[in-house]
Amino acid sequence: MATTSKPIRAVFDACCFLVFIANQEDAAATARRVLTLIDDELVELVESACILTEVPPTHRDDDGSGKRARILAMLGSEAVDLRPATRAIAERAGDYVVSRGLRPMDAIHLATAVEAEVVAFVTLDKDDFPIGEVVDGVRIMLPEQFLQDYFPPNDQPEFTYSEA
C-alpha cells in the first residue's frame, strides 16, 4: 500500500537484515516489521553500496530458506537509494573511525546516513554506536525505538512480511 505522506528516510545497518536471515527470534520479528514498512513505501531505505559486502549472495550459515536472496533483491531494487562510497563519505567515515572508534564498515554506513541527510541510522549494535545520540544531524536508534517514534502502534500497518 503506497502512502500519500512522505516516507521516513533511514539507513539500516546490515545487522538489521542479518537477524532476519538468521531468524534470531525477537530481532527477526522487528526486522519483519521494518521490511513491511519498506515494502509499503512508508520507509525510504537509503544504503551504502558497501552493504552488499555484508549481506553477500552466499554464506556458510545460509539455511537455504531464500531469505538472503529476498533481502538482496530488495537491496538491489529501485526502491532502495543505494549510494556509492564517494570521497566525501570515505573522508567522513575516516573521521568516525578516529573520533568514534567505529570499525571502517560501520563508519561508512554512518557516513552514508549523514551525507544522505536521513532522519535515522538504525542498528542493533549497542556496543559500537551511541544509541540515542544525534551524530551530525542523524539519530542513532535501535529498530524498536525507530518503530515506536515514527510509527506509533495505532499508525502501524499490519505486519505481513512473509518468510519466503
Protein backbone atom coordinates (compact mmCIF):
# COMPACT_ATOMS: atom_id res chain seq x y z
CA MET A 1 0.00 0.00 0.00
CA ALA A 2 1.54 3.28 -1.05
CA THR A 3 1.01 6.30 1.10
CA THR A 4 0.47 9.95 0.22
CA SER A 5 2.62 11.19 3.09
CA LYS A 6 6.36 11.43 2.63
CA PRO A 7 8.19 8.26 3.68
CA ILE A 8 10.71 8.32 6.54
CA ARG A 9 14.25 8.22 5.09
CA ALA A 10 16.60 6.00 7.06
CA VAL A 11 19.74 3.89 6.81
CA PHE A 12 19.57 0.44 8.37
CA ASP A 13 22.76 -1.26 9.48
CA ALA A 14 23.42 -4.69 7.94
CA CYS A 15 22.74 -6.38 11.28
CA CYS A 16 19.06 -5.40 10.93
CA PHE A 17 18.83 -7.61 7.83
CA LEU A 18 21.13 -10.37 9.02
CA VAL A 19 18.92 -11.13 12.04
CA PHE A 20 16.01 -11.71 9.64
CA ILE A 21 18.13 -14.05 7.51
CA ALA A 22 19.38 -15.90 10.60
CA ASN A 23 15.87 -15.87 12.17
CA GLN A 24 17.13 -14.59 15.51
CA GLU A 25 13.81 -14.70 17.40
CA ASP A 26 12.79 -11.24 18.75
CA ALA A 27 15.11 -9.31 16.46
CA ALA A 28 13.76 -11.15 13.40
CA ALA A 29 10.20 -10.10 14.29
CA THR A 30 11.27 -6.46 14.42
CA ALA A 31 13.12 -6.89 11.12
CA ARG A 32 9.91 -8.21 9.52
CA ARG A 33 8.06 -5.09 10.70
CA VAL A 34 10.73 -2.84 9.18
CA LEU A 35 10.73 -4.81 5.91
CA THR A 36 6.96 -4.41 5.69
CA LEU A 37 7.31 -0.64 6.10
CA ILE A 38 9.86 -0.59 3.27
CA ASP A 39 7.60 -2.71 1.04
CA ASP A 40 4.66 -0.43 1.83
CA GLU A 41 6.78 2.63 0.91
CA LEU A 42 6.42 4.11 4.39
CA VAL A 43 10.19 3.95 4.84
CA GLU A 44 12.60 5.04 2.13
CA LEU A 45 15.66 2.89 2.60
CA VAL A 46 19.00 4.55 1.89
CA GLU A 47 22.07 2.32 1.95
CA SER A 48 25.74 2.39 1.13
CA ALA A 49 26.57 0.08 -1.77
CA CYS A 50 29.03 -1.44 0.71
CA ILE A 51 26.11 -3.19 2.43
CA LEU A 52 26.28 -5.75 -0.36
CA THR A 53 29.60 -6.95 1.09
CA GLU A 54 27.97 -7.52 4.48
CA VAL A 55 24.92 -9.26 3.05
CA PRO A 56 26.70 -11.35 0.39
CA PRO A 57 24.85 -13.66 -2.02
CA THR A 58 26.07 -16.77 -0.20
CA HIS A 59 27.23 -17.55 3.30
CA ARG A 60 28.26 -20.73 5.08
CA ASP A 61 25.44 -20.30 7.62
CA ASP A 62 22.74 -19.75 4.99
CA ASP A 63 19.95 -22.27 5.60
CA GLY A 64 18.63 -22.14 2.02
CA SER A 65 15.32 -20.55 3.09
CA GLY A 66 15.51 -17.85 0.44
CA LYS A 67 15.61 -15.02 2.99
CA ARG A 68 19.08 -13.90 1.92
CA ALA A 69 18.02 -13.80 -1.75
CA ARG A 70 14.93 -11.81 -0.80
CA ILE A 71 16.97 -9.23 1.14
CA LEU A 72 19.47 -8.95 -1.72
CA ALA A 73 16.64 -8.46 -4.20
CA MET A 74 15.21 -5.68 -2.03
CA LEU A 75 18.64 -4.03 -1.65
CA GLY A 76 19.09 -4.17 -5.42
CA SER A 77 15.65 -2.82 -6.23
CA GLU A 78 14.86 0.67 -7.46
CA ALA A 79 13.01 1.29 -4.20
CA VAL A 80 16.34 1.49 -2.34
CA ASP A 81 18.52 4.57 -2.65
CA LEU A 82 21.85 2.71 -2.94
CA ARG A 83 24.67 5.22 -2.54
CA PRO A 84 28.22 4.79 -3.83
CA ALA A 85 31.11 5.25 -1.41
CA THR A 86 32.14 8.72 -2.55
CA ARG A 87 35.23 10.60 -1.44
CA ALA A 88 33.10 12.71 0.94
CA ILE A 89 31.66 9.57 2.54
CA ALA A 90 35.09 7.94 2.78
CA GLU A 91 36.61 11.02 4.42
CA ARG A 92 33.75 11.37 6.89
CA ALA A 93 33.97 7.63 7.64
CA GLY A 94 37.68 8.01 8.30
CA ASP A 95 36.87 10.76 10.80
CA TYR A 96 34.37 8.45 12.54
CA VAL A 97 36.95 5.66 12.75
CA VAL A 98 39.27 8.04 14.62
CA SER A 99 36.80 10.16 16.61
CA ARG A 100 34.23 7.49 17.48
CA GLY A 101 36.26 4.30 17.34
CA LEU A 102 33.99 2.75 14.71
CA ARG A 103 35.09 -0.11 12.53
CA PRO A 104 35.57 1.03 8.92
CA MET A 105 32.43 -0.61 7.51
CA ASP A 106 30.27 0.76 10.34
CA ALA A 107 31.80 4.18 9.79
CA ILE A 108 30.94 4.02 6.07
CA HIS A 109 27.30 3.22 6.83
CA LEU A 110 27.02 6.08 9.34
CA ALA A 111 28.79 8.49 6.98
CA THR A 112 26.36 7.47 4.23
CA ALA A 113 23.45 8.28 6.54
CA VAL A 114 24.87 11.71 7.33
CA GLU A 115 25.73 12.55 3.72
CA ALA A 116 22.26 11.43 2.57
CA GLU A 117 20.65 13.55 5.30
CA VAL A 118 18.37 10.79 6.54
CA VAL A 119 16.49 11.13 9.82
CA ALA A 120 17.79 7.94 11.42
CA PHE A 121 20.57 5.38 11.38
CA VAL A 122 19.05 2.16 12.72
CA THR A 123 21.24 -0.54 14.22
CA LEU A 124 21.22 -3.38 16.71
CA ASP A 125 24.88 -2.73 17.52
CA LYS A 126 24.66 -1.23 21.02
CA ASP A 127 28.34 -1.73 21.72
CA ASP A 128 29.76 0.31 18.87
CA PHE A 129 27.17 3.00 18.18
CA PRO A 130 25.98 5.76 20.54
CA ILE A 131 22.33 4.70 20.69
CA GLY A 132 20.06 7.67 21.35
CA GLU A 133 22.57 10.29 20.25
CA VAL A 134 22.37 12.54 17.23
CA VAL A 135 25.53 12.39 15.13
CA ASP A 136 25.90 15.19 12.61
CA GLY A 137 22.12 15.51 12.30
CA VAL A 138 21.26 11.78 12.23
CA ARG A 139 19.60 9.96 15.15
CA ILE A 140 21.22 6.65 16.10
CA MET A 141 18.40 4.29 17.04
CA LEU A 142 17.52 0.71 17.81
CA PRO A 143 14.86 -0.74 15.47
CA GLU A 144 12.26 -0.87 18.26
CA GLN A 145 12.79 2.83 19.03
CA PHE A 146 12.58 3.72 15.34
CA LEU A 147 9.23 1.93 15.07
CA GLN A 148 7.90 3.48 18.27
CA ASP A 149 8.94 7.03 17.40
CA TYR A 150 7.98 7.11 13.72
CA PHE A 151 5.21 4.51 13.58
CA PRO A 152 3.24 4.50 16.84
CA PRO A 153 1.23 1.29 17.39
CA ASN A 154 -2.04 2.78 16.16
CA ASP A 155 -0.36 4.06 12.98
CA GLN A 156 1.47 0.87 12.06
CA PRO A 157 0.19 -1.24 9.17
CA GLU A 158 -0.46 -4.91 9.66
CA PHE A 159 2.94 -6.59 9.50
CA THR A 160 2.70 -9.33 6.95
CA TYR A 161 6.23 -9.63 5.58
CA SER A 162 6.48 -13.27 4.70
CA GLU A 163 9.42 -15.52 5.38
CA ALA A 164 9.59 -16.78 1.79
